[in-house]
PDB file of all heavy atoms in Angstrom:
ATOM      1  N   ARG A   1      27.168  81.882 266.769  1.00  0.00           N
ATOM      2  CA  ARG A   1      25.942  81.401 267.417  1.00  0.00           C
ATOM      3  C   ARG A   1      25.527  80.063 266.784  1.00  0.00           C
ATOM      4  O   ARG A   1      25.452  79.942 265.560  1.00  0.00           O
ATOM      5  CB  ARG A   1      24.843  82.440 267.220  1.00  0.00           C
ATOM      6  CG  ARG A   1      23.502  82.045 267.815  1.00  0.00           C
ATOM      7  CD  ARG A   1      22.453  83.094 267.490  1.00  0.00           C
ATOM      8  NE  ARG A   1      21.163  82.696 268.026  1.00  0.00           N
ATOM      9  CZ  ARG A   1      20.405  83.468 268.793  1.00  0.00           C
ATOM     10  NH1 ARG A   1      20.801  84.689 269.088  1.00  0.00           N
ATOM     11  NH2 ARG A   1      19.245  83.042 269.231  1.00  0.00           N
ATOM     12  N   PRO A   2      25.239  79.040 267.582  1.00  0.00           N
ATOM     13  CA  PRO A   2      24.860  77.740 266.997  1.00  0.00           C
ATOM     14  C   PRO A   2      23.458  77.783 266.385  1.00  0.00           C
ATOM     15  O   PRO A   2      22.616  78.608 266.772  1.00  0.00           O
ATOM     16  CB  PRO A   2      24.922  76.778 268.181  1.00  0.00           C
ATOM     17  CG  PRO A   2      24.753  77.636 269.392  1.00  0.00           C
ATOM     18  CD  PRO A   2      25.319  78.977 269.055  1.00  0.00           C
ATOM     19  N   LEU A   3      23.224  76.903 265.460  1.00  0.00           N
ATOM     20  CA  LEU A   3      21.918  76.757 264.813  1.00  0.00           C
ATOM     21  C   LEU A   3      20.941  76.131 265.815  1.00  0.00           C
ATOM     22  O   LEU A   3      21.240  75.097 266.407  1.00  0.00           O
ATOM     23  CB  LEU A   3      22.088  75.845 263.595  1.00  0.00           C
ATOM     24  CG  LEU A   3      20.987  75.745 262.561  1.00  0.00           C
ATOM     25  CD1 LEU A   3      20.797  77.070 261.835  1.00  0.00           C
ATOM     26  CD2 LEU A   3      21.323  74.644 261.551  1.00  0.00           C
ATOM     27  N   ASP A   4      19.793  76.761 265.995  1.00  0.00           N
ATOM     28  CA  ASP A   4      18.769  76.228 266.902  1.00  0.00           C
ATOM     29  C   ASP A   4      17.856  75.288 266.115  1.00  0.00           C
ATOM     30  O   ASP A   4      16.882  75.716 265.501  1.00  0.00           O
ATOM     31  CB  ASP A   4      17.973  77.378 267.525  1.00  0.00           C
ATOM     32  CG  ASP A   4      16.882  76.897 268.468  1.00  0.00           C
ATOM     33  OD1 ASP A   4      16.818  75.676 268.729  1.00  0.00           O
ATOM     34  OD2 ASP A   4      16.087  77.737 268.935  1.00  0.00           O
ATOM     35  N   GLU A   5      18.184  74.003 266.159  1.00  0.00           N
ATOM     36  CA  GLU A   5      17.451  73.037 265.321  1.00  0.00           C
ATOM     37  C   GLU A   5      16.025  72.794 265.800  1.00  0.00           C
ATOM     38  O   GLU A   5      15.232  72.204 265.060  1.00  0.00           O
ATOM     39  CB  GLU A   5      18.235  71.736 265.228  1.00  0.00           C
ATOM     40  CG  GLU A   5      19.539  71.918 264.460  1.00  0.00           C
ATOM     41  CD  GLU A   5      20.263  70.603 264.177  1.00  0.00           C
ATOM     42  OE1 GLU A   5      19.701  69.527 264.468  1.00  0.00           O
ATOM     43  OE2 GLU A   5      21.392  70.666 263.658  1.00  0.00           O
ATOM     44  N   LYS A   6      15.679  73.263 266.994  1.00  0.00           N
ATOM     45  CA  LYS A   6      14.283  73.114 267.448  1.00  0.00           C
ATOM     46  C   LYS A   6      13.328  73.848 266.510  1.00  0.00           C
ATOM     47  O   LYS A   6      12.171  73.465 266.369  1.00  0.00           O
ATOM     48  CB  LYS A   6      14.118  73.649 268.875  1.00  0.00           C
ATOM     49  CG  LYS A   6      14.787  72.827 269.950  1.00  0.00           C
ATOM     50  CD  LYS A   6      14.236  73.139 271.342  1.00  0.00           C
ATOM     51  CE  LYS A   6      14.472  74.570 271.770  1.00  0.00           C
ATOM     52  NZ  LYS A   6      15.909  74.914 271.924  1.00  0.00           N
ATOM     53  N   VAL A   7      13.826  74.909 265.866  1.00  0.00           N
ATOM     54  CA  VAL A   7      13.005  75.672 264.918  1.00  0.00           C
ATOM     55  C   VAL A   7      12.541  74.786 263.756  1.00  0.00           C
ATOM     56  O   VAL A   7      11.490  75.025 263.163  1.00  0.00           O
ATOM     57  CB  VAL A   7      13.808  76.892 264.403  1.00  0.00           C
ATOM     58  CG1 VAL A   7      13.075  77.617 263.281  1.00  0.00           C
ATOM     59  CG2 VAL A   7      14.096  77.856 265.550  1.00  0.00           C
ATOM     60  N   PHE A   8      13.326  73.746 263.445  1.00  0.00           N
ATOM     61  CA  PHE A   8      13.010  72.885 262.296  1.00  0.00           C
ATOM     62  C   PHE A   8      12.043  71.751 262.651  1.00  0.00           C
ATOM     63  O   PHE A   8      11.610  71.014 261.764  1.00  0.00           O
ATOM     64  CB  PHE A   8      14.292  72.270 261.730  1.00  0.00           C
ATOM     65  CG  PHE A   8      15.325  73.274 261.281  1.00  0.00           C
ATOM     66  CD1 PHE A   8      16.678  72.957 261.318  1.00  0.00           C
ATOM     67  CD2 PHE A   8      14.958  74.523 260.805  1.00  0.00           C
ATOM     68  CE1 PHE A   8      17.642  73.865 260.897  1.00  0.00           C
ATOM     69  CE2 PHE A   8      15.914  75.445 260.388  1.00  0.00           C
ATOM     70  CZ  PHE A   8      17.261  75.106 260.442  1.00  0.00           C
ATOM     71  N   GLU A   9      11.725  71.587 263.925  1.00  0.00           N
ATOM     72  CA  GLU A   9      10.898  70.431 264.319  1.00  0.00           C
ATOM     73  C   GLU A   9       9.502  70.437 263.684  1.00  0.00           C
ATOM     74  O   GLU A   9       9.038  69.395 263.221  1.00  0.00           O
ATOM     75  CB  GLU A   9      10.812  70.343 265.845  1.00  0.00           C
ATOM     76  CG  GLU A   9      12.106  69.842 266.468  1.00  0.00           C
ATOM     77  CD  GLU A   9      12.100  69.873 267.996  1.00  0.00           C
ATOM     78  OE1 GLU A   9      11.032  70.197 268.597  1.00  0.00           O
ATOM     79  OE2 GLU A   9      13.162  69.573 268.582  1.00  0.00           O
ATOM     80  N   PRO A  10       8.792  71.600 263.609  1.00  0.00           N
ATOM     81  CA  PRO A  10       7.459  71.554 263.001  1.00  0.00           C
ATOM     82  C   PRO A  10       7.473  71.057 261.549  1.00  0.00           C
ATOM     83  O   PRO A  10       6.626  70.249 261.159  1.00  0.00           O
ATOM     84  CB  PRO A  10       6.972  73.006 263.089  1.00  0.00           C
ATOM     85  CG  PRO A  10       7.719  73.575 264.251  1.00  0.00           C
ATOM     86  CD  PRO A  10       9.066  72.924 264.208  1.00  0.00           C
ATOM     87  N   VAL A  11       8.428  71.529 260.741  1.00  0.00           N
ATOM     88  CA  VAL A  11       8.438  71.106 259.336  1.00  0.00           C
ATOM     89  C   VAL A  11       8.813  69.626 259.220  1.00  0.00           C
ATOM     90  O   VAL A  11       8.257  68.893 258.395  1.00  0.00           O
ATOM     91  CB  VAL A  11       9.350  72.007 258.470  1.00  0.00           C
ATOM     92  CG1 VAL A  11      10.816  71.860 258.812  1.00  0.00           C
ATOM     93  CG2 VAL A  11       9.150  71.694 256.986  1.00  0.00           C
ATOM     94  N   CYS A  12       9.725  69.156 260.058  1.00  0.00           N
ATOM     95  CA  CYS A  12      10.090  67.732 259.997  1.00  0.00           C
ATOM     96  C   CYS A  12       8.921  66.855 260.432  1.00  0.00           C
ATOM     97  O   CYS A  12       8.664  65.803 259.830  1.00  0.00           O
ATOM     98  CB  CYS A  12      11.328  67.478 260.847  1.00  0.00           C
ATOM     99  SG  CYS A  12      12.827  68.235 260.162  1.00  0.00           S
ATOM    100  N   ASN A  13       8.190  67.294 261.463  1.00  0.00           N
ATOM    101  CA  ASN A  13       6.989  66.549 261.873  1.00  0.00           C
ATOM    102  C   ASN A  13       5.933  66.557 260.773  1.00  0.00           C
ATOM    103  O   ASN A  13       5.250  65.549 260.544  1.00  0.00           O
ATOM    104  CB  ASN A  13       6.407  67.154 263.164  1.00  0.00           C
ATOM    105  CG  ASN A  13       7.258  66.843 264.379  1.00  0.00           C
ATOM    106  OD1 ASN A  13       7.972  65.833 264.404  1.00  0.00           O
ATOM    107  ND2 ASN A  13       7.203  67.695 265.394  1.00  0.00           N
ATOM    108  N   ALA A  14       5.805  67.693 260.078  1.00  0.00           N
ATOM    109  CA  ALA A  14       4.834  67.769 258.976  1.00  0.00           C
ATOM    110  C   ALA A  14       5.212  66.810 257.850  1.00  0.00           C
ATOM    111  O   ALA A  14       4.344  66.154 257.263  1.00  0.00           O
ATOM    112  CB  ALA A  14       4.746  69.206 258.457  1.00  0.00           C
ATOM    113  N   ILE A  15       6.505  66.713 257.551  1.00  0.00           N
ATOM    114  CA  ILE A  15       6.950  65.772 256.507  1.00  0.00           C
ATOM    115  C   ILE A  15       6.552  64.344 256.883  1.00  0.00           C
ATOM    116  O   ILE A  15       6.046  63.581 256.042  1.00  0.00           O
ATOM    117  CB  ILE A  15       8.469  65.885 256.280  1.00  0.00           C
ATOM    118  CG1 ILE A  15       8.795  67.195 255.549  1.00  0.00           C
ATOM    119  CG2 ILE A  15       9.006  64.689 255.476  1.00  0.00           C
ATOM    120  CD1 ILE A  15      10.288  67.506 255.451  1.00  0.00           C
ATOM    121  N   ARG A  16       6.755  63.971 258.143  1.00  0.00           N
ATOM    122  CA  ARG A  16       6.383  62.613 258.582  1.00  0.00           C
ATOM    123  C   ARG A  16       4.894  62.362 258.378  1.00  0.00           C
ATOM    124  O   ARG A  16       4.483  61.293 257.917  1.00  0.00           O
ATOM    125  CB  ARG A  16       6.754  62.416 260.057  1.00  0.00           C
ATOM    126  CG  ARG A  16       8.250  62.407 260.322  1.00  0.00           C
ATOM    127  CD  ARG A  16       8.589  62.134 261.793  1.00  0.00           C
ATOM    128  NE  ARG A  16      10.017  62.331 261.997  1.00  0.00           N
ATOM    129  CZ  ARG A  16      10.574  63.445 262.480  1.00  0.00           C
ATOM    130  NH1 ARG A  16       9.798  64.460 262.839  1.00  0.00           N
ATOM    131  NH2 ARG A  16      11.871  63.549 262.616  1.00  0.00           N
ATOM    132  N   LYS A  17       4.087  63.367 258.705  1.00  0.00           N
ATOM    133  CA  LYS A  17       2.631  63.207 258.586  1.00  0.00           C
ATOM    134  C   LYS A  17       2.189  63.121 257.129  1.00  0.00           C
ATOM    135  O   LYS A  17       1.324  62.321 256.780  1.00  0.00           O
ATOM    136  CB  LYS A  17       1.926  64.364 259.312  1.00  0.00           C
ATOM    137  CG  LYS A  17       2.084  64.273 260.827  1.00  0.00           C
ATOM    138  CD  LYS A  17       1.611  65.529 261.555  1.00  0.00           C
ATOM    139  CE  LYS A  17       1.842  65.360 263.057  1.00  0.00           C
ATOM    140  NZ  LYS A  17       1.501  66.564 263.823  1.00  0.00           N
ATOM    141  N   VAL A  18       2.782  63.967 256.271  1.00  0.00           N
ATOM    142  CA  VAL A  18       2.432  63.926 254.840  1.00  0.00           C
ATOM    143  C   VAL A  18       2.856  62.594 254.243  1.00  0.00           C
ATOM    144  O   VAL A  18       2.088  61.939 253.517  1.00  0.00           O
ATOM    145  CB  VAL A  18       3.093  65.093 254.080  1.00  0.00           C
ATOM    146  CG1 VAL A  18       2.871  64.945 252.577  1.00  0.00           C
ATOM    147  CG2 VAL A  18       2.544  66.428 254.568  1.00  0.00           C
ATOM    148  N   LYS A  19       4.083  62.183 254.542  1.00  0.00           N
ATOM    149  CA  LYS A  19       4.606  60.927 253.966  1.00  0.00           C
ATOM    150  C   LYS A  19       3.679  59.762 254.285  1.00  0.00           C
ATOM    151  O   LYS A  19       3.421  58.898 253.444  1.00  0.00           O
ATOM    152  CB  LYS A  19       6.009  60.687 254.525  1.00  0.00           C
ATOM    153  CG  LYS A  19       6.718  59.466 253.970  1.00  0.00           C
ATOM    154  CD  LYS A  19       7.296  59.745 252.593  1.00  0.00           C
ATOM    155  CE  LYS A  19       7.974  58.511 252.023  1.00  0.00           C
ATOM    156  NZ  LYS A  19       9.094  58.054 252.838  1.00  0.00           N
ATOM    157  N   ALA A  20       3.164  59.726 255.517  1.00  0.00           N
ATOM    158  CA  ALA A  20       2.288  58.627 255.923  1.00  0.00           C
ATOM    159  C   ALA A  20       0.954  58.640 255.176  1.00  0.00           C
ATOM    160  O   ALA A  20       0.298  57.604 255.048  1.00  0.00           O
ATOM    161  CB  ALA A  20       2.037  58.706 257.430  1.00  0.00           C
ATOM    162  N   ALA A  21       0.565  59.811 254.666  1.00  0.00           N
ATOM    163  CA  ALA A  21      -0.748  59.950 254.026  1.00  0.00           C
ATOM    164  C   ALA A  21      -0.692  59.964 252.501  1.00  0.00           C
ATOM    165  O   ALA A  21      -1.733  59.954 251.849  1.00  0.00           O
ATOM    166  CB  ALA A  21      -1.414  61.232 254.521  1.00  0.00           C
ATOM    167  N   LEU A  22       0.501  59.993 251.911  1.00  0.00           N
ATOM    168  CA  LEU A  22       0.615  60.134 250.456  1.00  0.00           C
ATOM    169  C   LEU A  22       0.249  58.849 249.720  1.00  0.00           C
ATOM    170  O   LEU A  22       0.558  57.754 250.182  1.00  0.00           O
ATOM    171  CB  LEU A  22       2.056  60.514 250.071  1.00  0.00           C
ATOM    172  CG  LEU A  22       2.481  61.968 250.215  1.00  0.00           C
ATOM    173  CD1 LEU A  22       3.942  62.119 249.807  1.00  0.00           C
ATOM    174  CD2 LEU A  22       1.599  62.896 249.391  1.00  0.00           C
ATOM    175  N   PRO A  23      -0.358  58.987 248.528  1.00  0.00           N
ATOM    176  CA  PRO A  23      -0.498  57.825 247.654  1.00  0.00           C
ATOM    177  C   PRO A  23       0.885  57.269 247.301  1.00  0.00           C
ATOM    178  O   PRO A  23       1.857  58.033 247.234  1.00  0.00           O
ATOM    179  CB  PRO A  23      -1.196  58.390 246.407  1.00  0.00           C
ATOM    180  CG  PRO A  23      -1.776  59.695 246.827  1.00  0.00           C
ATOM    181  CD  PRO A  23      -0.921  60.211 247.939  1.00  0.00           C
ATOM    182  N   PRO A  24       0.993  55.953 247.071  1.00  0.00           N
ATOM    183  CA  PRO A  24       2.307  55.347 246.829  1.00  0.00           C
ATOM    184  C   PRO A  24       3.071  55.952 245.647  1.00  0.00           C
ATOM    185  O   PRO A  24       4.301  55.969 245.654  1.00  0.00           O
ATOM    186  CB  PRO A  24       1.975  53.875 246.557  1.00  0.00           C
ATOM    187  CG  PRO A  24       0.644  53.649 247.182  1.00  0.00           C
ATOM    188  CD  PRO A  24      -0.083  54.955 247.120  1.00  0.00           C
ATOM    189  N   LYS A  25       2.367  56.497 244.649  1.00  0.00           N
ATOM    190  CA  LYS A  25       3.054  57.004 243.451  1.00  0.00           C
ATOM    191  C   LYS A  25       3.682  58.381 243.653  1.00  0.00           C
ATOM    192  O   LYS A  25       4.471  58.843 242.841  1.00  0.00           O
ATOM    193  CB  LYS A  25       2.084  57.056 242.261  1.00  0.00           C
ATOM    194  CG  LYS A  25       1.204  58.298 242.227  1.00  0.00           C
ATOM    195  CD  LYS A  25       0.395  58.382 240.955  1.00  0.00           C
ATOM    196  CE  LYS A  25      -0.278  59.744 240.787  1.00  0.00           C
ATOM    197  NZ  LYS A  25       0.553  60.769 240.200  1.00  0.00           N
ATOM    198  N   VAL A  26       3.317  59.078 244.755  1.00  0.00           N
ATOM    199  CA  VAL A  26       3.730  60.471 244.940  1.00  0.00           C
ATOM    200  C   VAL A  26       5.010  60.547 245.779  1.00  0.00           C
ATOM    201  O   VAL A  26       5.102  59.955 246.851  1.00  0.00           O
ATOM    202  CB  VAL A  26       2.617  61.306 245.599  1.00  0.00           C
ATOM    203  CG1 VAL A  26       3.067  62.753 245.796  1.00  0.00           C
ATOM    204  CG2 VAL A  26       1.353  61.271 244.737  1.00  0.00           C
ATOM    205  N   THR A  27       5.989  61.300 245.268  1.00  0.00           N
ATOM    206  CA  THR A  27       7.279  61.467 245.930  1.00  0.00           C
ATOM    207  C   THR A  27       7.219  62.629 246.916  1.00  0.00           C
ATOM    208  O   THR A  27       6.718  63.707 246.581  1.00  0.00           O
ATOM    209  CB  THR A  27       8.373  61.733 244.872  1.00  0.00           C
ATOM    210  OG1 THR A  27       8.411  60.626 243.969  1.00  0.00           O
ATOM    211  CG2 THR A  27       9.745  61.903 245.509  1.00  0.00           C
ATOM    212  N   MET A  28       7.765  62.401 248.105  1.00  0.00           N
ATOM    213  CA  MET A  28       7.825  63.448 249.139  1.00  0.00           C
ATOM    214  C   MET A  28       9.058  64.303 248.919  1.00  0.00           C
ATOM    215  O   MET A  28      10.179  63.797 248.860  1.00  0.00           O
ATOM    216  CB  MET A  28       7.902  62.783 250.519  1.00  0.00           C
ATOM    217  CG  MET A  28       7.914  63.748 251.680  1.00  0.00           C
ATOM    218  SD  MET A  28       6.280  64.411 252.048  1.00  0.00           S
ATOM    219  CE  MET A  28       6.597  66.182 251.945  1.00  0.00           C
ATOM    220  N   LEU A  29       8.860  65.627 248.796  1.00  0.00           N
ATOM    221  CA  LEU A  29       9.959  66.561 248.526  1.00  0.00           C
ATOM    222  C   LEU A  29      10.136  67.544 249.678  1.00  0.00           C
ATOM    223  O   LEU A  29       9.164  68.055 250.229  1.00  0.00           O
ATOM    224  CB  LEU A  29       9.682  67.350 247.239  1.00  0.00           C
ATOM    225  CG  LEU A  29       9.537  66.530 245.954  1.00  0.00           C
ATOM    226  CD1 LEU A  29       9.063  67.423 244.812  1.00  0.00           C
ATOM    227  CD2 LEU A  29      10.850  65.855 245.589  1.00  0.00           C
ATOM    228  N   GLY A  30      11.395  67.806 250.031  1.00  0.00           N
ATOM    229  CA  GLY A  30      11.733  68.863 250.974  1.00  0.00           C
ATOM    230  C   GLY A  30      12.470  69.977 250.249  1.00  0.00           C
ATOM    231  O   GLY A  30      12.782  69.862 249.065  1.00  0.00           O
ATOM    232  N   PHE A  31      12.779  71.056 250.970  1.00  0.00           N
ATOM    233  CA  PHE A  31      13.492  72.157 250.313  1.00  0.00           C
ATOM    234  C   PHE A  31      14.161  73.058 251.336  1.00  0.00           C
ATOM    235  O   PHE A  31      13.852  73.021 252.531  1.00  0.00           O
ATOM    236  CB  PHE A  31      12.545  72.977 249.427  1.00  0.00           C
ATOM    237  CG  PHE A  31      11.601  73.869 250.168  1.00  0.00           C
ATOM    238  CD1 PHE A  31      11.923  75.195 250.440  1.00  0.00           C
ATOM    239  CD2 PHE A  31      10.370  73.396 250.604  1.00  0.00           C
ATOM    240  CE1 PHE A  31      11.046  76.029 251.125  1.00  0.00           C
ATOM    241  CE2 PHE A  31       9.476  74.221 251.284  1.00  0.00           C
ATOM    242  CZ  PHE A  31       9.823  75.545 251.546  1.00  0.00           C
ATOM    243  N   ALA A  32      15.060  73.889 250.837  1.00  0.00           N
ATOM    244  CA  ALA A  32      15.705  74.927 251.654  1.00  0.00           C
ATOM    245  C   ALA A  32      16.080  76.084 250.743  1.00  0.00           C
ATOM    246  O   ALA A  32      16.181  75.940 249.522  1.00  0.00           O
ATOM    247  CB  ALA A  32      16.953  74.375 252.351  1.00  0.00           C
ATOM    248  N   GLY A  33      16.319  77.241 251.365  1.00  0.00           N
ATOM    249  CA  GLY A  33      16.813  78.399 250.635  1.00  0.00           C
ATOM    250  C   GLY A  33      18.320  78.303 250.461  1.00  0.00           C
ATOM    251  O   GLY A  33      19.033  77.786 251.335  1.00  0.00           O
ATOM    252  N   ALA A  34      18.817  78.797 249.330  1.00  0.00           N
ATOM    253  CA  ALA A  34      20.259  78.771 249.048  1.00  0.00           C
ATOM    254  C   ALA A  34      20.955  79.921 249.792  1.00  0.00           C
ATOM    255  O   ALA A  34      20.327  80.921 250.153  1.00  0.00           O
ATOM    256  CB  ALA A  34      20.496  78.872 247.546  1.00  0.00           C
ATOM    257  N   PRO A  35      22.266  79.786 250.012  1.00  0.00           N
ATOM    258  CA  PRO A  35      22.985  80.755 250.852  1.00  0.00           C
ATOM    259  C   PRO A  35      22.838  82.218 250.422  1.00  0.00           C
ATOM    260  O   PRO A  35      22.581  83.088 251.266  1.00  0.00           O
ATOM    261  CB  PRO A  35      24.437  80.275 250.779  1.00  0.00           C
ATOM    262  CG  PRO A  35      24.313  78.797 250.548  1.00  0.00           C
ATOM    263  CD  PRO A  35      23.105  78.625 249.680  1.00  0.00           C
ATOM    264  N   TRP A  36      22.998  82.505 249.119  1.00  0.00           N
ATOM    265  CA  TRP A  36      22.911  83.918 248.711  1.00  0.00           C
ATOM    266  C   TRP A  36      21.519  84.491 248.985  1.00  0.00           C
ATOM    267  O   TRP A  36      21.380  85.610 249.488  1.00  0.00           O
ATOM    268  CB  TRP A  36      23.285  84.105 247.235  1.00  0.00           C
ATOM    269  CG  TRP A  36      22.674  85.349 246.640  1.00  0.00           C
ATOM    270  CD1 TRP A  36      21.729  85.423 245.673  1.00  0.00           C
ATOM    271  CD2 TRP A  36      22.939  86.724 247.029  1.00  0.00           C
ATOM    272  NE1 TRP A  36      21.370  86.735 245.427  1.00  0.00           N
ATOM    273  CE2 TRP A  36      22.102  87.552 246.243  1.00  0.00           C
ATOM    274  CE3 TRP A  36      23.784  87.318 247.962  1.00  0.00           C
ATOM    275  CZ2 TRP A  36      22.096  88.937 246.355  1.00  0.00           C
ATOM    276  CZ3 TRP A  36      23.774  88.713 248.084  1.00  0.00           C
ATOM    277  CH2 TRP A  36      22.946  89.508 247.282  1.00  0.00           C
TER     278      TRP A  36
END
């Protein structure tokens, strides 16, 4: 079964919004769960 990437759209949109609002000194971090 293929990965349904539409499920990831809300978090990617949230990253864009946070990045635009962050102070310049703050690094934007993402994450995922490991396979096991």
